[in-house]
Protein backbone atom coordinates (compact mmCIF):
# COMPACT_ATOMS: atom_id res chain seq x y z
CA MET A 1 123.86 30.57 114.78
CA THR A 2 120.81 32.33 116.39
CA ASP A 3 119.33 35.54 114.98
CA SER A 4 120.64 37.58 117.78
CA GLN A 5 124.06 36.14 117.11
CA ILE A 6 124.01 36.71 113.42
CA CYS A 7 126.57 39.40 113.13
CA ASP A 8 128.29 39.47 116.21
CA CYS A 9 131.21 37.71 115.06
CA TRP A 10 132.04 40.59 112.31
CA ILE A 11 130.64 44.07 113.29
CA GLU A 12 133.57 45.94 114.44
CA LYS A 13 133.29 48.07 117.62
CA MET A 14 132.51 51.84 115.73
CA SER A 15 132.12 54.79 117.85
CA ILE A 16 128.88 56.15 116.60
CA GLU A 17 128.36 60.34 116.78
CA PRO A 18 125.56 61.29 119.40
CA PHE A 19 121.89 61.78 117.69
CA LEU A 20 122.05 65.65 117.69
CA GLN A 21 118.53 67.15 119.30
CA CYS A 22 116.69 70.19 118.06
CA ARG A 23 115.28 72.04 120.83
CA GLU A 24 112.63 73.41 118.21
CA CYS A 25 111.40 69.55 117.57
CA VAL A 26 108.68 67.55 119.03
CA ALA A 27 109.30 63.87 118.77
CA SER A 28 107.15 61.94 116.48
CA ASN A 29 105.65 59.77 119.61
CA SER A 30 104.93 63.00 121.71
CA GLN A 31 101.19 63.30 122.89
CA SER A 32 99.50 66.21 120.81
CA LEU A 33 96.45 68.51 121.73
CA SER A 34 93.39 66.27 120.71
CA GLU A 35 90.75 68.31 122.49
CA SER A 36 88.31 70.78 120.98
CA ILE A 37 90.39 74.55 121.02
CA GLY A 38 88.62 77.55 122.26
CA GLU A 39 89.51 81.05 122.16
CA ASN A 40 91.65 80.93 124.95
CA ASP A 41 94.24 78.26 123.64
CA TYR A 42 93.58 78.64 119.85
CA LYS A 43 97.18 80.31 119.81
CA GLU A 44 98.32 76.37 120.71
CA ARG A 45 97.15 75.58 117.21
CA GLN A 46 97.49 78.52 114.85
CA LEU A 47 100.26 78.81 112.05
CA PHE A 48 102.48 81.90 111.30
CA ASP A 49 100.13 84.28 108.91
CA PHE A 50 97.67 82.14 108.59
CA ASP A 51 94.46 82.49 110.43
CA ILE A 52 91.80 79.59 109.76
CA ARG A 53 89.35 81.84 110.98
CA THR A 54 89.67 84.39 108.19
CA TYR A 55 89.60 81.41 105.76
CA ARG A 56 86.94 81.17 103.32
CA ASP A 57 84.84 83.19 105.62
CA GLY A 58 85.73 81.09 108.37
CA THR A 59 83.74 77.91 107.13
CA CYS A 60 86.93 75.69 107.66
CA GLN A 61 88.87 73.91 110.60
CA LEU A 62 92.30 73.51 110.08
CA THR A 63 94.33 70.44 111.63
CA THR A 64 98.07 71.38 112.06
CA ALA A 65 100.96 69.46 111.03
CA SER A 66 102.02 68.98 114.44
CA GLU A 67 99.14 66.84 115.59
CA THR A 68 100.75 63.55 114.59
CA ASP A 69 97.67 61.68 117.13
CA LYS A 70 95.27 62.67 114.02
CA ILE A 71 97.78 62.89 110.72
CA HIS A 72 99.57 59.71 110.07
CA TYR A 73 103.00 59.72 108.51
CA SER A 74 105.33 57.48 106.80
CA GLY A 75 108.85 58.35 106.59
CA ARG A 76 111.46 60.72 108.34
CA PHE A 77 109.67 64.02 109.46
CA LEU A 78 111.04 67.07 111.81
CA HIS A 79 107.99 68.36 113.78
CA PHE A 80 107.88 71.44 115.42
CA GLY A 81 105.38 72.14 118.39
CA PRO A 82 103.78 75.72 119.04
CA ASN A 83 106.88 76.89 120.97
CA ALA A 84 108.78 76.84 118.15
CA THR A 85 112.17 79.00 118.29
CA ARG A 86 111.24 80.51 115.02
CA ILE A 87 107.75 81.47 115.08
CA VAL A 88 107.06 80.66 111.28
CA LYS A 89 107.82 77.13 112.04
CA ALA A 90 105.32 76.55 114.99
CA ASN A 91 102.69 73.74 114.67
CA THR A 92 104.45 72.82 111.00
CA THR A 93 106.40 69.53 110.15
CA GLN A 94 109.51 69.69 107.78
CA PHE A 95 110.98 67.05 105.16
CA ASP A 96 112.92 65.98 102.32
CA TRP A 97 113.37 62.09 101.38
CA PRO A 98 111.63 60.81 98.57
CA GLY A 99 108.60 58.83 98.92
CA THR A 100 107.74 60.65 102.48
CA GLY A 101 103.93 60.87 102.68
CA PHE A 102 101.11 61.49 105.34
CA SER A 103 97.36 60.55 105.58
CA LEU A 104 94.08 61.94 107.18
CA HIS A 105 91.08 59.90 107.73
CA CYS A 106 87.98 62.16 107.85
CA THR A 107 84.23 62.03 107.16
CA ASN A 108 81.43 64.98 107.21
CA THR A 109 82.93 67.03 104.91
CA ARG A 110 82.99 68.11 101.15
CA THR A 111 86.39 70.06 100.92
CA ILE A 112 89.90 68.78 101.49
CA ALA A 113 92.64 70.75 101.41
CA VAL A 114 96.03 70.84 102.49
CA ARG A 115 98.99 74.13 102.83
CA LEU A 116 102.21 72.93 101.83
CA LYS A 117 105.26 74.66 100.63
CA GLY A 118 108.52 73.38 99.18
CA ARG A 119 110.40 74.98 95.96
CA GLY A 120 110.30 72.84 92.91
CA ASN A 121 108.82 69.83 94.49
CA TYR A 122 105.82 67.74 93.27
CA PHE A 123 103.34 65.07 95.21
CA ASN A 124 100.98 62.40 94.43
CA VAL A 125 97.52 62.53 96.12
CA PHE A 126 95.94 59.64 96.82
CA LEU A 127 92.16 59.36 97.64
CA ASN A 128 90.53 56.31 99.32
CA ASP A 129 93.66 54.43 97.76
CA LEU A 130 92.70 56.08 94.36
CA PHE A 131 95.47 58.04 92.49
CA HIS A 132 93.62 61.55 92.36
CA GLY A 133 96.21 63.81 90.81
CA VAL A 134 99.72 65.58 91.15
CA ILE A 135 100.25 69.03 92.93
CA SER A 136 103.57 70.93 92.62
CA THR A 137 104.41 73.45 95.36
CA SER A 138 106.55 76.51 95.70
CA LYS A 139 108.98 78.35 98.10
CA ARG A 140 105.83 80.41 99.48
CA PRO A 141 103.20 78.12 101.58
CA LYS A 142 99.94 77.75 99.55
CA VAL A 143 96.67 75.85 99.84
CA PHE A 144 95.82 73.16 97.34
CA GLU A 145 91.85 72.30 97.63
CA LEU A 146 92.21 68.61 96.36
CA CYS A 147 88.29 67.74 96.66
CA SER A 148 85.65 70.43 96.99
CA THR A 149 82.43 68.05 95.96
CA LEU A 150 82.79 65.32 98.72
CA ASN A 151 79.28 63.10 99.95
CA PRO A 152 79.45 64.05 103.75
CA GLU A 153 78.40 60.75 104.33
CA ASN A 154 81.21 58.95 103.39
CA LYS A 155 84.51 58.23 104.70
CA TYR A 156 87.39 59.58 103.31
CA HIS A 157 91.14 59.09 103.57
CA VAL A 158 93.73 60.98 101.57
CA HIS A 159 97.26 60.51 101.04
CA ILE A 160 99.92 62.85 100.00
CA SER A 161 103.35 61.28 99.29
CA LYS A 162 106.39 63.21 98.01
CA ARG A 163 107.60 62.51 94.00
CA THR A 164 110.93 64.26 94.41
CA GLU A 165 114.55 63.61 95.70
CA PRO A 166 116.08 66.05 98.52
CA GLN A 167 117.10 69.60 98.05
CA ALA A 168 120.34 69.46 96.44
CA LYS A 169 123.12 72.09 96.69
CA SER A 170 124.28 71.53 92.92
CA THR A 171 123.28 71.63 89.63
CA LEU A 172 121.73 67.89 89.51
CA SER A 173 118.30 69.38 91.15
CA THR A 174 116.46 72.80 92.64
CA PHE A 175 114.51 70.99 94.84
CA LYS A 176 114.10 72.66 98.56
CA VAL A 177 113.08 71.07 102.16
CA CYS A 178 109.20 70.76 102.34
CA THR A 179 106.86 72.28 105.10
CA LEU A 180 103.74 70.95 105.58
CA TYR A 181 101.24 72.84 107.59
CA GLY A 182 98.08 70.91 107.82
CA TYR A 183 94.90 69.63 106.32
CA ILE A 184 91.69 72.08 105.94
CA LEU A 185 88.40 70.38 106.37
CA ASP A 186 84.88 71.40 106.53
CA GLN A 187 83.99 73.26 109.89
CA ASN A 188 81.65 70.18 111.10
CA ALA A 189 84.00 67.75 109.60
CA ARG A 190 85.33 64.80 111.92
CA ILE A 191 88.71 63.60 111.79
CA LEU A 192 88.67 59.71 112.30
CA PRO A 193 91.47 57.25 113.50
CA CYS A 194 94.22 56.77 110.64
CA ASP A 195 94.64 53.10 111.02
CA VAL A 196 97.43 52.46 108.50
CA THR A 197 98.74 48.99 108.77
CA TYR A 198 101.47 47.10 106.73
CA LYS A 199 102.79 43.57 107.10
CA ARG A 200 106.49 44.66 106.79
CA LYS A 201 108.54 47.34 106.92
CA PHE A 202 111.24 47.76 103.84
CA GLU A 203 114.14 50.42 103.92
CA PHE A 204 115.81 51.36 101.08
CA ILE A 205 119.26 53.08 100.85
CA GLY A 206 120.33 54.18 97.26
CA ASP A 207 121.31 56.57 94.37
CA SER A 208 119.24 58.16 91.60
CA ASP A 209 118.15 54.48 90.31
CA THR A 210 116.25 54.29 93.83
CA THR A 211 115.02 58.10 93.55
CA ALA A 212 113.47 56.70 90.13
CA PHE A 213 115.55 59.61 88.67
CA GLY A 214 113.58 61.11 85.16
CA ASN A 215 111.72 57.49 85.12
CA GLU A 216 108.68 59.32 83.69
CA CYS A 217 110.21 62.11 81.20
CA LYS A 218 110.56 61.59 77.10
CA VAL A 219 113.55 59.65 75.75
CA SER A 220 116.28 62.63 75.71
CA ASP A 221 120.28 63.31 76.41
CA PHE A 222 118.80 66.35 78.45
CA ARG A 223 118.70 66.83 82.06
CA PRO A 224 115.08 65.93 82.89
CA LYS A 225 112.08 68.41 84.92
CA ALA A 226 111.60 67.62 88.08
CA ILE A 227 107.95 66.40 87.12
CA SER A 228 109.72 63.82 85.43
CA GLN A 229 110.94 61.95 88.80
CA ASN A 230 108.29 59.58 90.51
CA VAL A 231 109.55 57.47 92.94
CA HIS A 232 105.93 55.93 93.36
CA ASN A 233 106.47 54.56 90.43
CA GLY A 234 110.35 53.77 91.07
CA TYR A 235 111.28 50.10 91.59
CA ALA A 236 111.50 50.58 95.54
CA CYS A 237 108.07 51.95 96.07
CA ILE A 238 106.74 49.39 93.63
CA LEU A 239 108.23 46.49 95.44
CA ALA A 240 107.48 47.58 98.92
CA ARG A 241 103.76 47.29 97.35
CA MET A 242 104.31 43.98 96.15
CA PHE A 243 104.88 42.84 99.87
CA ASP A 244 102.32 45.26 101.41
CA ALA A 245 105.32 46.91 103.29
CA GLU A 246 105.60 50.34 104.37
CA ALA A 247 108.62 51.73 102.60
CA HIS A 248 110.99 54.32 104.12
CA ILE A 249 113.57 55.59 101.24
CA THR A 250 116.93 57.45 102.19
CA ALA A 251 118.32 58.23 98.69
CA TRP A 252 119.62 60.89 96.44
CA SER A 253 120.94 61.08 93.15
CA GLY A 254 124.48 61.05 92.44
CA LYS A 255 125.71 59.73 95.90
CA GLY A 256 128.13 56.99 96.70
CA VAL A 257 129.46 55.04 99.44
CA HIS A 258 132.71 56.46 99.29
CA SER A 259 132.60 59.10 96.76
CA ASN A 260 130.09 61.12 95.11
CA SER A 261 129.42 61.79 91.36
CA ALA A 262 131.12 65.45 90.75
CA ASP A 263 132.87 65.11 94.14
CA TRP A 264 129.79 67.47 96.31
CA GLY A 265 128.30 66.85 99.59
CA ASP A 266 127.94 64.19 101.84
CA THR A 267 127.90 60.55 100.76
CA MET A 268 124.86 57.84 101.68
CA PRO A 269 126.49 56.75 104.80
CA THR A 270 126.33 59.76 106.39
CA LEU A 271 123.48 60.86 105.24
CA TRP A 272 121.57 57.77 106.30
CA LYS A 273 121.62 59.32 109.59
CA LYS A 274 119.39 62.29 108.95
CA THR A 275 115.76 62.68 109.57
CA ILE A 276 116.29 65.48 106.92
CA ALA A 277 118.96 64.96 103.94
CA SER A 278 120.22 68.37 103.66
CA ARG A 279 120.41 69.46 107.11
CA SER A 280 122.49 68.14 110.37
CA ILE A 281 119.26 66.65 112.36
CA HIS A 282 119.86 63.08 112.93
CA TYR A 283 117.39 60.48 112.88
CA ASP A 284 116.79 58.09 115.63
CA LEU A 285 117.39 54.69 113.60
CA GLU A 286 115.70 52.85 116.39
CA SER A 287 112.43 54.30 116.34
CA TRP A 288 111.60 52.43 112.89
CA ILE A 289 112.95 48.76 112.28
CA PRO A 290 112.59 47.28 108.87
CA ASP A 291 112.18 43.53 108.17
CA ALA A 292 114.27 44.21 104.89
CA VAL A 293 117.20 46.54 103.71
CA VAL A 294 117.63 47.19 100.01
CA ILE A 295 121.38 48.79 99.36
CA ASN A 296 121.51 50.20 95.90
CA LEU A 297 125.08 51.81 95.81
CA GLY A 298 128.29 52.57 94.09
CA VAL A 299 127.68 53.48 90.46
CA ASN A 300 128.58 57.15 91.52
CA ASP A 301 131.76 56.17 93.40
CA LEU A 302 132.74 54.95 90.22
CA TYR A 303 132.17 58.46 88.00
CA PRO A 304 134.86 60.95 88.46
CA PRO A 305 136.37 61.51 90.58
CA ILE A 306 137.09 57.57 90.33
CA SER A 307 137.74 56.00 93.86
CA SER A 308 139.79 52.67 93.81
CA ASN A 309 137.73 48.96 93.85
CA SER A 310 139.49 48.71 97.08
CA ASP A 311 138.15 52.02 98.93
CA VAL A 312 134.64 51.08 97.53
CA ALA A 313 134.64 47.91 98.88
CA THR A 314 135.99 49.01 102.11
CA ALA A 315 133.29 51.61 102.56
CA TYR A 316 130.50 49.27 101.23
CA VAL A 317 131.85 46.92 104.32
CA LYS A 318 131.85 49.49 106.96
CA PHE A 319 128.51 50.78 105.93
CA LEU A 320 126.45 47.25 106.03
CA ARG A 321 128.41 46.64 109.34
CA GLU A 322 126.88 50.30 110.90
CA ILE A 323 123.69 48.99 109.22
CA ARG A 324 123.80 45.77 110.70
CA ARG A 325 124.46 47.13 114.04
CA TYR A 326 120.79 49.13 113.77
CA ARG A 327 118.95 46.35 112.23
CA PRO A 328 120.32 43.76 114.13
CA LEU A 329 117.39 41.21 112.04
CA ALA A 330 117.08 42.62 109.14
CA HIS A 331 117.51 40.73 105.98
CA ILE A 332 119.84 43.08 103.84
CA PHE A 333 119.89 42.91 100.04
CA CYS A 334 122.71 44.72 98.10
CA ILE A 335 121.86 45.01 94.82
CA VAL A 336 123.78 45.42 91.67
CA THR A 337 121.84 46.00 88.27
CA THR A 338 123.38 45.55 85.08
CA GLN A 339 122.28 45.84 81.31
CA THR A 340 122.22 43.89 78.42
CA ASN A 341 122.53 46.69 76.21
CA LYS A 342 124.36 49.66 75.90
CA VAL A 343 123.53 53.27 75.78
CA GLU A 344 125.28 54.76 72.64
CA THR A 345 124.85 58.50 74.11
CA ALA A 346 126.32 57.73 77.42
CA ARG A 347 129.60 59.98 78.07
CA VAL A 348 130.65 56.56 80.14
CA HIS A 349 128.58 53.32 79.40
CA ARG A 350 126.52 52.55 82.21
CA GLU A 351 126.90 48.70 81.37
CA ASP A 352 130.73 48.87 82.12
CA ILE A 353 130.14 50.48 85.23
CA SER A 354 127.87 48.09 86.64
CA LEU A 355 129.98 45.07 85.78
CA GLN A 356 132.97 46.85 87.57
CA LEU A 357 130.81 47.50 90.55
CA LYS A 358 129.42 43.54 90.51
CA ASP A 359 132.91 42.61 90.87
CA ILE A 360 133.72 44.96 93.86
CA VAL A 361 130.15 44.05 95.29
CA LYS A 362 130.95 40.79 95.27
CA VAL A 363 134.06 40.68 97.04
CA ALA A 364 133.53 42.97 99.37
CA LEU A 365 130.38 40.32 100.73
CA MET A 366 132.47 37.44 100.19
CA GLU A 367 133.41 37.18 103.76
CA ILE A 368 130.25 38.86 105.02
CA MET A 369 127.80 36.77 103.79
CA ARG A 370 129.62 33.53 105.15
CA LEU A 371 129.35 34.94 108.62
CA ASP A 372 125.52 36.82 108.38
CA PRO A 373 123.36 34.56 106.59
CA ARG A 374 120.79 37.40 106.36
CA ILE A 375 122.97 39.34 104.09
CA HIS A 376 122.34 38.78 100.44
CA TYR A 377 123.98 39.50 97.09
CA THR A 378 121.57 40.39 94.14
CA ARG A 379 122.15 40.82 90.59
CA VAL A 380 119.32 41.97 88.75
CA GLN A 381 119.53 42.18 84.85
CA VAL A 382 117.61 45.04 82.96
CA CYS A 383 116.96 44.63 79.37
CA LEU A 384 117.84 48.40 78.25
CA ARG A 385 116.69 49.73 74.85
CA PRO A 386 119.01 51.94 73.00
CA LEU A 387 117.19 55.45 72.36
CA SER A 388 117.13 55.07 68.65
CA TRP A 389 114.81 51.79 68.91
CA VAL A 390 112.41 53.44 71.97
CA ARG A 391 111.65 56.29 70.06
CA VAL A 392 110.05 54.31 67.23
CA THR A 393 108.06 51.02 68.78
CA TRP A 394 106.74 49.77 71.94
CA GLU A 395 107.39 46.10 72.17
CA HIS A 396 108.07 45.18 75.53
CA ALA A 397 104.91 43.94 78.00
CA GLN A 398 102.49 46.91 78.56
CA VAL A 399 102.95 48.38 82.23
CA PRO A 400 99.89 48.40 84.63
CA GLY A 401 98.63 52.13 84.45
CA LYS A 402 100.38 53.16 81.41
CA ALA A 403 98.95 56.64 79.67
CA GLY A 404 100.82 56.32 76.47
CA PRO A 405 102.00 54.22 73.54
CA LYS A 406 105.77 54.71 74.20
CA ASP A 407 108.30 53.97 77.27
CA HIS A 408 109.76 56.84 78.87
CA MET A 409 113.52 57.34 80.33
CA SER A 410 116.42 59.95 80.71
CA ARG A 411 119.65 59.40 79.43
CA THR A 412 121.32 56.30 81.02
CA HIS A 413 118.68 56.28 83.67
CA TYR A 414 115.60 53.53 83.93
CA SER A 415 112.50 54.10 82.82
CA VAL A 416 109.18 53.11 84.36
CA SER A 417 109.13 49.12 82.94
CA ASP A 418 112.68 49.04 83.58
CA HIS A 419 111.92 49.92 87.38
CA VAL A 420 108.81 47.02 87.09
CA GLN A 421 111.93 44.81 86.00
CA ILE A 422 113.97 45.53 88.77
CA ALA A 423 111.30 44.82 91.27
CA THR A 424 109.93 41.94 89.82
CA SER A 425 113.20 40.86 89.87
CA ILE A 426 114.11 41.63 93.57
CA ALA A 427 110.64 40.74 94.65
CA ASP A 428 111.23 37.00 93.38
CA GLU A 429 114.69 37.07 95.25
CA ILE A 430 113.02 38.42 98.71
CA ALA A 431 110.49 35.56 98.57
CA SER A 432 113.32 32.94 97.78
CA MET A 433 115.39 34.08 100.63
CA THR A 434 112.79 34.47 103.42
CA ASN A 435 109.72 32.59 102.11
CA TRP A 436 107.61 35.92 102.57
CA ALA A 437 104.75 35.78 100.20
CA ILE A 438 104.28 38.39 97.48
CA GLU A 439 100.96 40.06 98.17
CA CYS A 440 100.24 41.51 94.95
CA PRO A 441 101.71 42.08 91.11
CA ALA A 442 103.66 45.49 90.35
CA THR A 443 101.38 48.61 89.84
CA CYS A 444 102.14 51.79 88.66
CA THR A 445 99.83 54.84 88.37
CA PRO A 446 99.36 56.51 84.99
CA TYR A 447 102.27 58.65 83.59
CA PRO A 448 103.67 60.86 82.26
CA ILE A 449 102.11 63.64 83.95
CA THR A 450 101.90 67.33 81.69
CA GLU A 451 102.30 70.73 83.25
CA GLU A 452 98.98 71.72 82.06
CA SER A 453 97.21 69.10 84.37
CA LEU A 454 98.88 70.12 87.85
CA LEU A 455 97.07 71.99 90.25
CA ARG A 456 98.90 75.68 90.31
CA PRO A 457 97.73 78.19 92.82
CA LYS A 458 96.59 81.60 91.50
CA HIS A 459 96.44 83.63 94.30
CA SER A 460 98.46 85.47 97.02
CA HIS A 461 100.44 83.08 99.42
CA SER A 462 98.08 84.41 102.10
CA ASN A 463 94.44 83.17 100.79
CA SER A 464 95.62 81.05 97.89
CA ALA A 465 92.76 78.55 97.31
CA CYS A 466 93.17 76.00 94.08
CA ARG A 467 91.24 73.15 93.07
CA LEU A 468 92.80 69.96 91.67
CA GLN A 469 90.32 68.83 89.03
């Protein structure tokens, strides 16, 4: 059976609703203005309620978010041009999926700043591939001064990535859609080509485990704060780094393949098609084709309101068929994690749920895997520690980048060290099934991040400028 024929024998003819097009939106591959801006065409580059000519006495330049020839984007974004229907969106970019990131390569500048908004969200900042700090965004646009004492003779690559998951219309989270307005540099700075290359592309589809819900929170039964969620230290991003792969993550806590925990909102098969999870704009699924797709879904289907095993299996197979239609040559890994210890305080034991899901997925994949050799069932066993045990000792392997003597976790969710276990297990499975080389070991950034160490704007929204120490 050839690659092009892998799934012809089992994909059903399904009608796919047409992609919606936003008349405000500028396609990500459209040509952006790149010439120098004079007085006559300044309006083509300006932002609503922000004039770079008056910011810091006119000593800076602005690269707007719509200049996709200068800013490198990774993930799903909605770009708006200068003629956006709503003036407040002109030359901006919106996004909300976890792990989405944007980079700029520059020289001849002492200062690098970024203008962002997005209530309740947190972002990792990297400078020349080294972790630089964390910023917290709010409902009003803020300017975050990331660096102010750089050597103008050196070249700098700044990358900012979203730690948190999409907006939620429930009590599970309070995050809002984020808006990038642009990068701010010294007036004489030069923007260099941002050539970001990866050996592979990995797509991750999942729920709270994939979003790394509460992975950096203190051991507790209480709902964690947003600052404790860091998808960069979750198994998806860790796994992608191990293969030098670009990661696109479509994941949201509480979501299932047939039904959601607490029965709210769309399920993941619907959300997977969206550019922004909480909006109706559909994503061009053919614009970015991954080499591998990692699916980790089904746990929330087995929480109230509980779906039947047959309903979950049917929805799982239907979703796989749709994924295969858009990813005809990708290796698809269907992940089920199981635990060796029960977390005693959980209302529903996670281990029992995982074992039930294991049986459902195996039954669902039985016929498909026979017809499609690039679909793989992968069971990952995680050694969870009871909460009381974690509080008093630290006897497992040190996680790279670990800042404290204890691990962190939230309720029945995984700690960073658990995510390392999961990523390592899946990496071994992927390497075995594909013969792809593992390029590097699992790595993480330091944690936990305290509220005191965050960059916090101190001025009004129109002229805010804060420094990340």
